């Protein structure tokens, strides 16, 4: 009888121990000075030299972002830093076009990549979403409401919210995944 009781109790205990996530579980951070949001992480790449990672980072910026003006504004090979402001264009699906009335949107952001032997650090800041005639900074609600930023930094969130922020539909995380693919040591680039 006790075994039956334990079997019935297990699902309830599992629900009670539902995992919550914090910003520390993501690549999202809140700037303590501005209250703005940025994406950052340090990523190990086993066996990769600073020269290879620098070359890959530069190639990523030049091939992934589609700007009318030069993307790269910082190009310091000696310090292992490359960065600038990039524009990533996203073509919308037919259904999305019918809903919003335009064919594409783009994400514009500052990006800096620092490299060393065996690892790199990326930081994406000041991220704007631009569509047709409007421009929206994705962290405007946080910048305008410092209390909201503090609550977000301190509060845990559910698995559903975590998946929403980190999942496949997050355009910024699509860019992060593309960066990680290109920087990976198994990536077949002509490193020079």
N, C-alpha and C. Protein backbone atom coordinates (compact mmCIF):
# COMPACT_ATOMS: atom_id res chain seq x y z
N UNK A 1 0.82 -1.20 0.00
CA UNK A 1 0.00 0.00 0.00
C UNK A 1 0.87 1.26 0.00
N UNK A 2 1.96 1.23 0.76
CA UNK A 2 2.85 2.39 0.81
C UNK A 2 3.47 2.68 -0.55
N UNK A 3 3.76 1.61 -1.33
CA UNK A 3 4.33 1.80 -2.65
C UNK A 3 3.34 2.50 -3.59
N UNK A 4 2.09 2.16 -3.49
CA UNK A 4 1.06 2.80 -4.32
C UNK A 4 0.96 4.28 -3.96
N UNK A 5 1.01 4.58 -2.67
CA UNK A 5 0.96 5.97 -2.22
C UNK A 5 2.15 6.76 -2.77
N UNK A 6 3.35 6.17 -2.74
CA UNK A 6 4.54 6.84 -3.27
C UNK A 6 4.43 7.05 -4.77
N UNK A 7 3.90 6.07 -5.50
CA UNK A 7 3.72 6.22 -6.94
C UNK A 7 2.75 7.34 -7.27
N UNK A 8 1.71 7.48 -6.46
CA UNK A 8 0.74 8.56 -6.67
C UNK A 8 1.32 9.91 -6.30
N UNK A 9 2.23 9.93 -5.33
CA UNK A 9 2.81 11.17 -4.85
C UNK A 9 3.91 11.70 -5.78
N UNK A 10 4.58 10.84 -6.52
CA UNK A 10 5.70 11.25 -7.39
C UNK A 10 5.34 12.35 -8.38
N UNK A 11 4.24 12.26 -9.13
CA UNK A 11 3.93 13.35 -10.06
C UNK A 11 3.72 14.68 -9.35
N UNK A 12 3.14 14.66 -8.17
CA UNK A 12 2.92 15.90 -7.42
C UNK A 12 4.25 16.49 -6.99
N UNK A 13 5.17 15.66 -6.52
CA UNK A 13 6.49 16.14 -6.12
C UNK A 13 7.26 16.70 -7.31
N UNK A 14 7.11 16.06 -8.45
CA UNK A 14 7.79 16.54 -9.66
C UNK A 14 7.27 17.92 -10.06
N UNK A 15 5.98 18.13 -9.98
CA UNK A 15 5.40 19.43 -10.31
C UNK A 15 5.85 20.50 -9.32
N UNK A 16 5.94 20.13 -8.06
CA UNK A 16 6.34 21.08 -7.03
C UNK A 16 7.78 21.53 -7.21
N UNK A 17 8.61 20.71 -7.84
CA UNK A 17 10.01 21.04 -8.03
C UNK A 17 10.29 21.55 -9.44
N UNK A 18 9.29 22.20 -10.03
CA UNK A 18 9.43 22.72 -11.39
C UNK A 18 10.60 23.71 -11.46
N UNK A 19 11.48 23.53 -12.43
CA UNK A 19 12.67 24.37 -12.55
C UNK A 19 12.30 25.78 -12.95
N UNK A 20 12.93 26.73 -12.30
CA UNK A 20 12.83 28.11 -12.72
C UNK A 20 14.22 28.54 -13.20
N UNK A 21 14.26 29.52 -14.07
CA UNK A 21 15.49 30.01 -14.65
C UNK A 21 15.71 31.45 -14.24
N UNK A 22 16.96 31.89 -14.29
CA UNK A 22 17.30 33.28 -14.05
C UNK A 22 18.08 33.79 -15.26
N UNK A 23 18.36 35.08 -15.27
CA UNK A 23 19.16 35.62 -16.37
C UNK A 23 20.54 34.97 -16.43
N UNK A 24 21.05 34.51 -15.30
CA UNK A 24 22.36 33.85 -15.29
C UNK A 24 22.35 32.57 -16.13
N UNK A 25 21.16 32.00 -16.35
CA UNK A 25 21.04 30.79 -17.18
C UNK A 25 20.99 31.12 -18.67
N UNK A 26 20.98 32.39 -19.01
CA UNK A 26 20.88 32.82 -20.40
C UNK A 26 22.12 33.62 -20.79
N UNK A 27 22.15 34.08 -22.01
CA UNK A 27 23.22 34.98 -22.46
C UNK A 27 22.76 36.43 -22.41
N UNK A 28 21.64 36.70 -21.74
CA UNK A 28 21.10 38.05 -21.62
C UNK A 28 21.57 38.66 -20.30
N UNK A 29 22.01 39.91 -20.35
CA UNK A 29 22.43 40.62 -19.15
C UNK A 29 21.77 42.00 -19.13
N UNK A 30 21.65 42.56 -17.94
CA UNK A 30 21.11 43.91 -17.76
C UNK A 30 22.26 44.81 -17.34
N UNK A 31 22.46 45.90 -18.06
CA UNK A 31 23.51 46.86 -17.73
C UNK A 31 23.11 47.59 -16.45
N UNK A 32 23.96 47.54 -15.44
CA UNK A 32 23.63 48.15 -14.15
C UNK A 32 23.58 49.68 -14.22
N UNK A 33 24.22 50.27 -15.20
CA UNK A 33 24.23 51.73 -15.32
C UNK A 33 23.03 52.23 -16.13
N UNK A 34 22.84 51.67 -17.33
CA UNK A 34 21.79 52.17 -18.22
C UNK A 34 20.46 51.45 -18.04
N UNK A 35 20.49 50.24 -17.46
CA UNK A 35 19.27 49.44 -17.37
C UNK A 35 18.95 48.74 -18.67
N UNK A 36 19.81 48.92 -19.68
CA UNK A 36 19.59 48.29 -20.97
C UNK A 36 19.98 46.83 -20.96
N UNK A 37 19.57 46.13 -21.99
CA UNK A 37 19.80 44.70 -22.12
C UNK A 37 20.86 44.47 -23.19
N UNK A 38 21.72 43.48 -22.95
CA UNK A 38 22.67 43.08 -23.98
C UNK A 38 22.86 41.57 -23.90
N UNK A 39 23.39 41.01 -24.98
CA UNK A 39 23.65 39.57 -25.08
C UNK A 39 25.16 39.37 -25.03
N UNK A 40 25.61 38.44 -24.20
CA UNK A 40 27.05 38.22 -24.06
C UNK A 40 27.32 36.80 -23.59
N UNK A 41 28.50 36.32 -23.91
CA UNK A 41 28.93 35.02 -23.41
C UNK A 41 30.40 34.84 -23.74
N UNK A 42 31.06 33.99 -22.98
CA UNK A 42 32.41 33.55 -23.27
C UNK A 42 32.28 32.11 -23.74
N UNK A 43 32.82 31.82 -24.92
CA UNK A 43 32.64 30.50 -25.54
C UNK A 43 34.00 29.86 -25.77
N UNK A 44 34.24 28.68 -25.17
CA UNK A 44 35.50 27.99 -25.42
C UNK A 44 35.50 27.32 -26.80
N UNK A 45 36.65 27.34 -27.46
CA UNK A 45 36.82 26.66 -28.74
C UNK A 45 38.16 25.91 -28.65
N UNK A 46 38.06 24.66 -28.31
CA UNK A 46 39.25 23.86 -28.04
C UNK A 46 40.18 23.82 -29.25
N UNK A 47 41.44 24.13 -28.99
CA UNK A 47 42.48 24.02 -30.02
C UNK A 47 42.55 25.17 -31.00
N UNK A 48 41.67 26.16 -30.90
CA UNK A 48 41.67 27.28 -31.86
C UNK A 48 42.65 28.36 -31.41
N UNK A 49 43.44 28.84 -32.33
CA UNK A 49 44.40 29.90 -32.02
C UNK A 49 43.72 31.26 -32.12
N UNK A 50 44.36 32.25 -31.54
CA UNK A 50 43.83 33.62 -31.60
C UNK A 50 43.71 34.07 -33.06
N UNK A 51 44.68 33.71 -33.90
CA UNK A 51 44.64 34.12 -35.31
C UNK A 51 43.44 33.51 -36.03
N UNK A 52 43.20 32.21 -35.81
CA UNK A 52 42.06 31.55 -36.46
C UNK A 52 40.75 32.15 -35.97
N UNK A 53 40.62 32.36 -34.67
CA UNK A 53 39.37 32.91 -34.13
C UNK A 53 39.15 34.34 -34.62
N UNK A 54 40.22 35.12 -34.69
CA UNK A 54 40.10 36.49 -35.19
C UNK A 54 39.63 36.49 -36.64
N UNK A 55 40.22 35.63 -37.44
CA UNK A 55 39.83 35.52 -38.85
C UNK A 55 38.37 35.09 -38.98
N UNK A 56 37.96 34.13 -38.19
CA UNK A 56 36.57 33.66 -38.22
C UNK A 56 35.60 34.76 -37.78
N UNK A 57 35.97 35.50 -36.74
CA UNK A 57 35.11 36.58 -36.24
C UNK A 57 34.93 37.66 -37.31
N UNK A 58 36.02 38.01 -37.95
CA UNK A 58 35.96 39.03 -39.00
C UNK A 58 35.13 38.54 -40.18
N UNK A 59 35.32 37.28 -40.57
CA UNK A 59 34.54 36.70 -41.66
C UNK A 59 33.05 36.68 -41.31
N UNK A 60 32.74 36.34 -40.06
CA UNK A 60 31.34 36.35 -39.62
C UNK A 60 30.72 37.73 -39.81
N UNK A 61 31.40 38.76 -39.35
CA UNK A 61 30.84 40.11 -39.46
C UNK A 61 30.66 40.53 -40.91
N UNK A 62 31.60 40.18 -41.75
CA UNK A 62 31.54 40.59 -43.16
C UNK A 62 30.53 39.81 -43.98
N UNK A 63 30.25 38.56 -43.60
CA UNK A 63 29.33 37.75 -44.40
C UNK A 63 27.91 37.71 -43.85
N UNK A 64 27.77 37.85 -42.56
CA UNK A 64 26.45 37.66 -41.97
C UNK A 64 25.61 38.94 -41.97
N UNK A 65 26.25 40.08 -41.80
CA UNK A 65 25.51 41.34 -41.76
C UNK A 65 25.52 42.01 -43.12
N UNK A 66 24.38 42.59 -43.48
CA UNK A 66 24.20 43.22 -44.79
C UNK A 66 23.99 44.72 -44.59
N UNK A 67 25.07 45.45 -44.62
CA UNK A 67 25.00 46.89 -44.41
C UNK A 67 25.26 47.65 -45.70
N UNK A 68 24.71 48.86 -45.74
CA UNK A 68 25.04 49.78 -46.84
C UNK A 68 26.39 50.43 -46.56
N UNK A 69 26.73 50.54 -45.28
CA UNK A 69 28.00 51.12 -44.85
C UNK A 69 28.85 49.99 -44.26
N UNK A 70 30.15 50.21 -44.10
CA UNK A 70 31.00 49.14 -43.55
C UNK A 70 30.54 48.71 -42.15
N UNK A 71 30.51 47.40 -41.94
CA UNK A 71 30.12 46.83 -40.66
C UNK A 71 31.23 47.03 -39.64
N UNK A 72 32.45 46.72 -40.05
CA UNK A 72 33.57 46.71 -39.11
C UNK A 72 34.04 48.13 -38.82
N UNK A 73 34.00 48.48 -37.53
CA UNK A 73 34.47 49.79 -37.07
C UNK A 73 35.66 49.65 -36.13
N UNK A 74 35.82 48.46 -35.54
CA UNK A 74 36.97 48.15 -34.69
C UNK A 74 37.67 46.96 -35.33
N UNK A 75 38.96 47.12 -35.64
CA UNK A 75 39.70 46.04 -36.30
C UNK A 75 41.12 46.05 -35.72
N UNK A 76 41.30 45.42 -34.56
CA UNK A 76 42.57 45.42 -33.85
C UNK A 76 43.05 43.98 -33.67
N UNK A 77 43.79 43.50 -34.64
CA UNK A 77 44.26 42.11 -34.60
C UNK A 77 45.20 41.86 -33.43
N UNK A 78 46.05 42.84 -33.11
CA UNK A 78 46.99 42.68 -31.99
C UNK A 78 46.26 42.47 -30.67
N UNK A 79 45.18 43.20 -30.44
CA UNK A 79 44.41 43.07 -29.20
C UNK A 79 43.38 41.94 -29.30
N UNK A 80 43.16 41.43 -30.51
CA UNK A 80 42.18 40.36 -30.70
C UNK A 80 40.74 40.85 -30.60
N UNK A 81 40.49 42.05 -31.12
CA UNK A 81 39.15 42.64 -31.04
C UNK A 81 38.69 43.06 -32.43
N UNK A 82 37.47 42.65 -32.77
CA UNK A 82 36.84 43.08 -34.00
C UNK A 82 35.38 43.40 -33.67
N UNK A 83 34.86 44.46 -34.24
CA UNK A 83 33.48 44.82 -33.93
C UNK A 83 32.96 45.94 -34.79
N UNK A 84 31.71 46.26 -34.60
CA UNK A 84 31.08 47.33 -35.35
C UNK A 84 29.58 47.33 -35.13
N UNK A 85 28.87 47.80 -36.14
CA UNK A 85 27.41 47.83 -36.09
C UNK A 85 26.90 47.11 -37.32
N UNK A 86 26.08 46.08 -37.11
CA UNK A 86 25.63 45.26 -38.22
C UNK A 86 24.12 45.25 -38.36
N UNK A 87 23.70 44.93 -39.57
CA UNK A 87 22.27 44.84 -39.88
C UNK A 87 21.98 43.46 -40.45
N UNK A 88 21.09 42.73 -39.77
CA UNK A 88 20.67 41.41 -40.21
C UNK A 88 19.25 41.52 -40.74
N UNK A 89 19.05 41.15 -42.01
CA UNK A 89 17.74 41.27 -42.66
C UNK A 89 17.01 39.94 -42.54
N UNK A 90 15.74 40.01 -42.17
CA UNK A 90 14.91 38.82 -42.11
C UNK A 90 13.72 38.99 -43.05
N UNK A 91 13.62 38.09 -44.03
CA UNK A 91 12.47 38.10 -44.93
C UNK A 91 11.30 37.41 -44.22
N UNK A 92 10.14 38.00 -44.30
CA UNK A 92 8.98 37.46 -43.62
C UNK A 92 8.26 36.42 -44.47
N UNK A 93 7.52 35.56 -43.81
CA UNK A 93 6.73 34.55 -44.53
C UNK A 93 5.52 35.23 -45.16
N UNK A 94 4.86 34.54 -46.07
CA UNK A 94 3.66 35.10 -46.72
C UNK A 94 2.59 35.44 -45.68
N UNK A 95 2.43 34.59 -44.71
CA UNK A 95 1.44 34.84 -43.65
C UNK A 95 1.80 36.10 -42.86
N UNK A 96 3.07 36.25 -42.49
CA UNK A 96 3.51 37.44 -41.77
C UNK A 96 3.33 38.70 -42.61
N UNK A 97 3.62 38.59 -43.91
CA UNK A 97 3.46 39.74 -44.80
C UNK A 97 2.00 40.19 -44.82
N UNK A 98 1.07 39.23 -44.89
CA UNK A 98 -0.36 39.57 -44.87
C UNK A 98 -0.76 40.26 -43.56
N UNK A 99 -0.17 39.84 -42.45
CA UNK A 99 -0.50 40.41 -41.14
C UNK A 99 0.05 41.81 -40.95
N UNK A 100 1.31 42.03 -41.37
CA UNK A 100 1.96 43.31 -41.06
C UNK A 100 2.06 44.26 -42.25
N UNK A 101 1.98 43.75 -43.46
CA UNK A 101 1.96 44.62 -44.63
C UNK A 101 3.32 44.96 -45.21
N UNK A 102 4.39 44.39 -44.74
CA UNK A 102 5.69 44.59 -45.36
C UNK A 102 6.43 43.26 -45.44
N UNK A 103 7.47 43.23 -46.31
CA UNK A 103 8.10 41.96 -46.66
C UNK A 103 9.29 41.57 -45.79
N UNK A 104 9.92 42.53 -45.16
CA UNK A 104 11.08 42.19 -44.34
C UNK A 104 11.24 43.17 -43.19
N UNK A 105 11.93 42.67 -42.18
CA UNK A 105 12.34 43.51 -41.07
C UNK A 105 13.83 43.28 -40.90
N UNK A 106 14.47 44.18 -40.19
CA UNK A 106 15.87 43.90 -39.90
C UNK A 106 16.21 44.27 -38.48
N UNK A 107 17.26 43.61 -38.01
CA UNK A 107 17.79 43.82 -36.67
C UNK A 107 19.12 44.51 -36.84
N UNK A 108 19.29 45.62 -36.17
CA UNK A 108 20.53 46.36 -36.23
C UNK A 108 21.13 46.38 -34.83
N UNK A 109 22.42 46.09 -34.72
CA UNK A 109 23.02 45.97 -33.39
C UNK A 109 24.50 46.28 -33.42
N UNK A 110 24.99 46.69 -32.27
CA UNK A 110 26.43 46.79 -32.06
C UNK A 110 26.93 45.41 -31.68
N UNK A 111 28.07 45.03 -32.21
CA UNK A 111 28.63 43.72 -31.87
C UNK A 111 30.14 43.85 -31.74
N UNK A 112 30.64 43.23 -30.68
CA UNK A 112 32.08 43.19 -30.46
C UNK A 112 32.47 41.76 -30.14
N UNK A 113 33.55 41.29 -30.76
CA UNK A 113 34.05 39.94 -30.53
C UNK A 113 35.52 40.07 -30.12
N UNK A 114 35.82 39.55 -28.93
CA UNK A 114 37.20 39.53 -28.42
C UNK A 114 37.66 38.08 -28.46
N UNK A 115 38.87 37.85 -28.95
CA UNK A 115 39.36 36.48 -29.08
C UNK A 115 40.70 36.31 -28.36
N UNK A 116 40.92 35.11 -27.89
CA UNK A 116 42.19 34.65 -27.31
C UNK A 116 42.36 33.20 -27.73
N UNK A 117 43.53 32.63 -27.50
CA UNK A 117 43.72 31.22 -27.81
C UNK A 117 42.70 30.40 -27.03
N UNK A 118 41.87 29.63 -27.75
CA UNK A 118 40.96 28.69 -27.12
C UNK A 118 39.61 29.24 -26.68
N UNK A 119 39.34 30.53 -26.88
CA UNK A 119 38.03 31.07 -26.50
C UNK A 119 37.78 32.43 -27.17
N UNK A 120 36.50 32.80 -27.17
CA UNK A 120 36.12 34.15 -27.63
C UNK A 120 34.98 34.65 -26.76
N UNK A 121 34.82 35.95 -26.76
CA UNK A 121 33.77 36.61 -25.99
C UNK A 121 33.02 37.51 -26.97
N UNK A 122 31.70 37.38 -27.01
CA UNK A 122 30.91 38.27 -27.85
C UNK A 122 30.01 39.13 -26.97
N UNK A 123 29.68 40.30 -27.50
CA UNK A 123 28.73 41.19 -26.82
C UNK A 123 27.92 41.91 -27.89
N UNK A 124 26.59 41.76 -27.81
CA UNK A 124 25.68 42.41 -28.75
C UNK A 124 24.84 43.42 -27.97
N UNK A 125 24.89 44.68 -28.40
CA UNK A 125 24.24 45.76 -27.65
C UNK A 125 23.40 46.64 -28.58
N UNK A 126 22.61 47.51 -27.96
CA UNK A 126 21.82 48.51 -28.70
C UNK A 126 21.11 47.89 -29.89
N UNK A 127 20.28 46.91 -29.61
CA UNK A 127 19.62 46.14 -30.65
C UNK A 127 18.30 46.81 -31.03
N UNK A 128 18.20 47.19 -32.30
CA UNK A 128 16.99 47.82 -32.83
C UNK A 128 16.30 46.86 -33.78
N UNK A 129 14.97 46.89 -33.76
CA UNK A 129 14.16 46.18 -34.75
C UNK A 129 13.58 47.27 -35.65
N UNK A 130 13.81 47.14 -36.96
CA UNK A 130 13.37 48.15 -37.91
C UNK A 130 12.47 47.48 -38.95
N UNK A 131 11.29 48.06 -39.12
CA UNK A 131 10.35 47.56 -40.12
C UNK A 131 9.62 48.74 -40.71
N UNK A 132 9.61 48.80 -42.03
CA UNK A 132 8.93 49.87 -42.74
C UNK A 132 9.38 51.22 -42.17
N UNK A 133 8.49 51.94 -41.50
CA UNK A 133 8.82 53.27 -41.01
C UNK A 133 9.05 53.33 -39.51
N UNK A 134 9.03 52.20 -38.82
CA UNK A 134 9.25 52.30 -37.38
C UNK A 134 10.54 51.60 -36.96
N UNK A 135 11.09 52.11 -35.87
CA UNK A 135 12.32 51.58 -35.27
C UNK A 135 12.04 51.43 -33.79
N UNK A 136 12.38 50.26 -33.25
CA UNK A 136 12.14 49.98 -31.84
C UNK A 136 13.38 49.35 -31.24
N UNK A 137 13.88 49.93 -30.17
CA UNK A 137 14.99 49.32 -29.42
C UNK A 137 14.38 48.25 -28.53
N UNK A 138 14.91 47.02 -28.60
CA UNK A 138 14.26 45.92 -27.90
C UNK A 138 14.29 46.06 -26.38
N UNK A 139 15.18 46.88 -25.86
CA UNK A 139 15.22 47.04 -24.40
C UNK A 139 14.65 48.37 -23.92
N UNK A 140 13.89 49.07 -24.77
CA UNK A 140 13.27 50.33 -24.35
C UNK A 140 12.45 50.21 -23.07
N UNK A 141 11.62 49.17 -22.92
CA UNK A 141 10.86 49.07 -21.67
C UNK A 141 11.75 49.00 -20.44
N UNK A 142 12.91 48.35 -20.56
CA UNK A 142 13.83 48.25 -19.42
C UNK A 142 14.54 49.57 -19.16
N UNK A 143 14.96 50.25 -20.22
CA UNK A 143 15.65 51.53 -20.06
C UNK A 143 14.73 52.59 -19.46
N UNK A 144 13.47 52.54 -19.85
CA UNK A 144 12.51 53.55 -19.37
C UNK A 144 11.97 53.23 -17.98
N UNK A 145 12.13 51.99 -17.54
CA UNK A 145 11.61 51.58 -16.24
C UNK A 145 12.69 50.79 -15.49
N UNK A 146 13.58 51.50 -14.75
CA UNK A 146 14.66 50.82 -14.05
C UNK A 146 14.18 49.77 -13.05
N UNK A 147 13.02 49.98 -12.46
CA UNK A 147 12.48 49.00 -11.52
C UNK A 147 12.17 47.67 -12.23
N UNK A 148 11.66 47.77 -13.45
CA UNK A 148 11.39 46.56 -14.24
C UNK A 148 12.68 45.81 -14.52
N UNK A 149 13.75 46.54 -14.83
CA UNK A 149 15.04 45.90 -15.09
C UNK A 149 15.54 45.19 -13.84
N UNK A 150 15.40 45.81 -12.69
CA UNK A 150 15.84 45.19 -11.43
C UNK A 150 15.02 43.94 -11.13
N UNK A 151 13.71 44.01 -11.35
CA UNK A 151 12.86 42.83 -11.11
C UNK A 151 13.22 41.69 -12.05
N UNK A 152 13.47 42.02 -13.32
CA UNK A 152 13.83 40.99 -14.29
C UNK A 152 15.15 40.33 -13.91
N UNK A 153 16.11 41.13 -13.45
CA UNK A 153 17.40 40.59 -13.06
C UNK A 153 17.30 39.70 -11.83
N UNK A 154 16.39 40.03 -10.92
CA UNK A 154 16.27 39.27 -9.66
C UNK A 154 15.29 38.11 -9.75
N UNK A 155 14.30 38.24 -10.60
CA UNK A 155 13.20 37.28 -10.66
C UNK A 155 13.56 36.06 -11.51
N UNK A 156 13.09 34.92 -11.10
CA UNK A 156 13.21 33.73 -11.93
C UNK A 156 12.07 33.70 -12.93
N UNK A 157 12.24 32.92 -13.98
CA UNK A 157 11.15 32.78 -14.92
C UNK A 157 10.99 31.31 -15.29
N UNK A 158 9.86 31.00 -15.86
CA UNK A 158 9.47 29.61 -16.13
C UNK A 158 10.22 29.04 -17.33
N UNK A 159 10.07 27.74 -17.50
CA UNK A 159 10.68 27.07 -18.65
C UNK A 159 10.09 27.62 -19.95
N UNK A 160 8.80 27.91 -19.96
CA UNK A 160 8.17 28.49 -21.15
C UNK A 160 8.81 29.83 -21.50
N UNK A 161 9.00 30.70 -20.48
CA UNK A 161 9.63 31.99 -20.73
C UNK A 161 11.08 31.82 -21.18
N UNK A 162 11.79 30.88 -20.55
CA UNK A 162 13.17 30.60 -20.94
C UNK A 162 13.23 30.18 -22.40
N UNK A 163 12.36 29.27 -22.80
CA UNK A 163 12.33 28.81 -24.19
C UNK A 163 11.99 29.96 -25.14
N UNK A 164 11.14 30.86 -24.70
CA UNK A 164 10.76 32.02 -25.52
C UNK A 164 11.97 32.93 -25.75
N UNK A 165 12.73 33.20 -24.67
CA UNK A 165 13.89 34.08 -24.79
C UNK A 165 15.06 33.41 -25.50
N UNK A 166 15.23 32.11 -25.33
CA UNK A 166 16.41 31.42 -25.83
C UNK A 166 16.13 30.52 -27.03
N UNK A 167 14.88 30.36 -27.40
CA UNK A 167 14.50 29.39 -28.43
C UNK A 167 14.77 29.84 -29.85
N UNK A 168 14.33 29.02 -30.77
CA UNK A 168 14.56 29.24 -32.20
C UNK A 168 13.90 30.49 -32.74
N UNK A 169 12.85 30.98 -32.08
CA UNK A 169 12.15 32.15 -32.59
C UNK A 169 12.84 33.46 -32.22
N UNK A 170 13.77 33.41 -31.29
CA UNK A 170 14.51 34.61 -30.91
C UNK A 170 15.52 34.94 -32.00
N UNK A 171 15.31 36.06 -32.69
CA UNK A 171 16.18 36.43 -33.80
C UNK A 171 17.60 36.70 -33.35
N UNK A 172 17.77 37.32 -32.19
CA UNK A 172 19.12 37.59 -31.71
C UNK A 172 19.84 36.28 -31.43
N UNK A 173 19.14 35.32 -30.84
CA UNK A 173 19.77 34.03 -30.59
C UNK A 173 20.03 33.25 -31.87
N UNK A 174 19.29 33.51 -32.94
CA UNK A 174 19.63 32.92 -34.24
C UNK A 174 20.99 33.45 -34.70
N UNK A 175 21.20 34.73 -34.49
CA UNK A 175 22.49 35.34 -34.85
C UNK A 175 23.60 34.75 -33.98
N UNK A 176 23.33 34.57 -32.69
CA UNK A 176 24.32 33.97 -31.79
C UNK A 176 24.65 32.55 -32.24
N UNK A 177 23.63 31.77 -32.58
CA UNK A 177 23.88 30.39 -33.04
C UNK A 177 24.72 30.38 -34.32
N UNK A 178 24.47 31.31 -35.22
CA UNK A 178 25.26 31.40 -36.45
C UNK A 178 26.71 31.76 -36.13
N UNK A 179 26.91 32.69 -35.20
CA UNK A 179 28.26 33.06 -34.78
C UNK A 179 28.98 31.84 -34.21
N UNK A 180 28.29 31.09 -33.33
CA UNK A 180 28.92 29.92 -32.71
C UNK A 180 29.27 28.87 -33.76
N UNK A 181 28.41 28.69 -34.76
CA UNK A 181 28.72 27.74 -35.84
C UNK A 181 29.99 28.15 -36.58
N UNK A 182 30.08 29.44 -36.89
CA UNK A 182 31.22 29.91 -37.66
C UNK A 182 32.51 29.89 -36.84
N UNK A 183 32.40 30.11 -35.54
CA UNK A 183 33.59 30.16 -34.69
C UNK A 183 34.05 28.78 -34.24
N UNK A 184 33.22 27.77 -34.39
CA UNK A 184 33.52 26.41 -33.93
C UNK A 184 34.77 25.89 -34.62
N UNK A 185 35.58 25.15 -33.87
CA UNK A 185 36.84 24.64 -34.43
C UNK A 185 36.63 23.64 -35.56
N UNK A 186 35.45 23.03 -35.63
CA UNK A 186 35.20 22.08 -36.72
C UNK A 186 34.69 22.77 -37.98
N UNK A 187 34.48 24.08 -37.89
CA UNK A 187 33.98 24.81 -39.05
C UNK A 187 35.06 24.83 -40.13
N UNK A 188 34.67 24.53 -41.34
CA UNK A 188 35.60 24.39 -42.44
C UNK A 188 35.75 25.72 -43.17
N UNK A 189 36.48 26.63 -42.55
CA UNK A 189 36.76 27.92 -43.18
C UNK A 189 38.20 27.92 -43.68
N UNK A 190 38.45 28.74 -44.64
CA UNK A 190 39.82 28.94 -45.10
C UNK A 190 40.47 29.95 -44.16
N UNK A 191 40.91 29.48 -42.99
CA UNK A 191 41.52 30.37 -42.00
C UNK A 191 42.87 30.82 -42.52
N UNK A 192 43.06 32.14 -42.42
CA UNK A 192 44.36 32.65 -42.87
C UNK A 192 45.04 33.39 -41.76
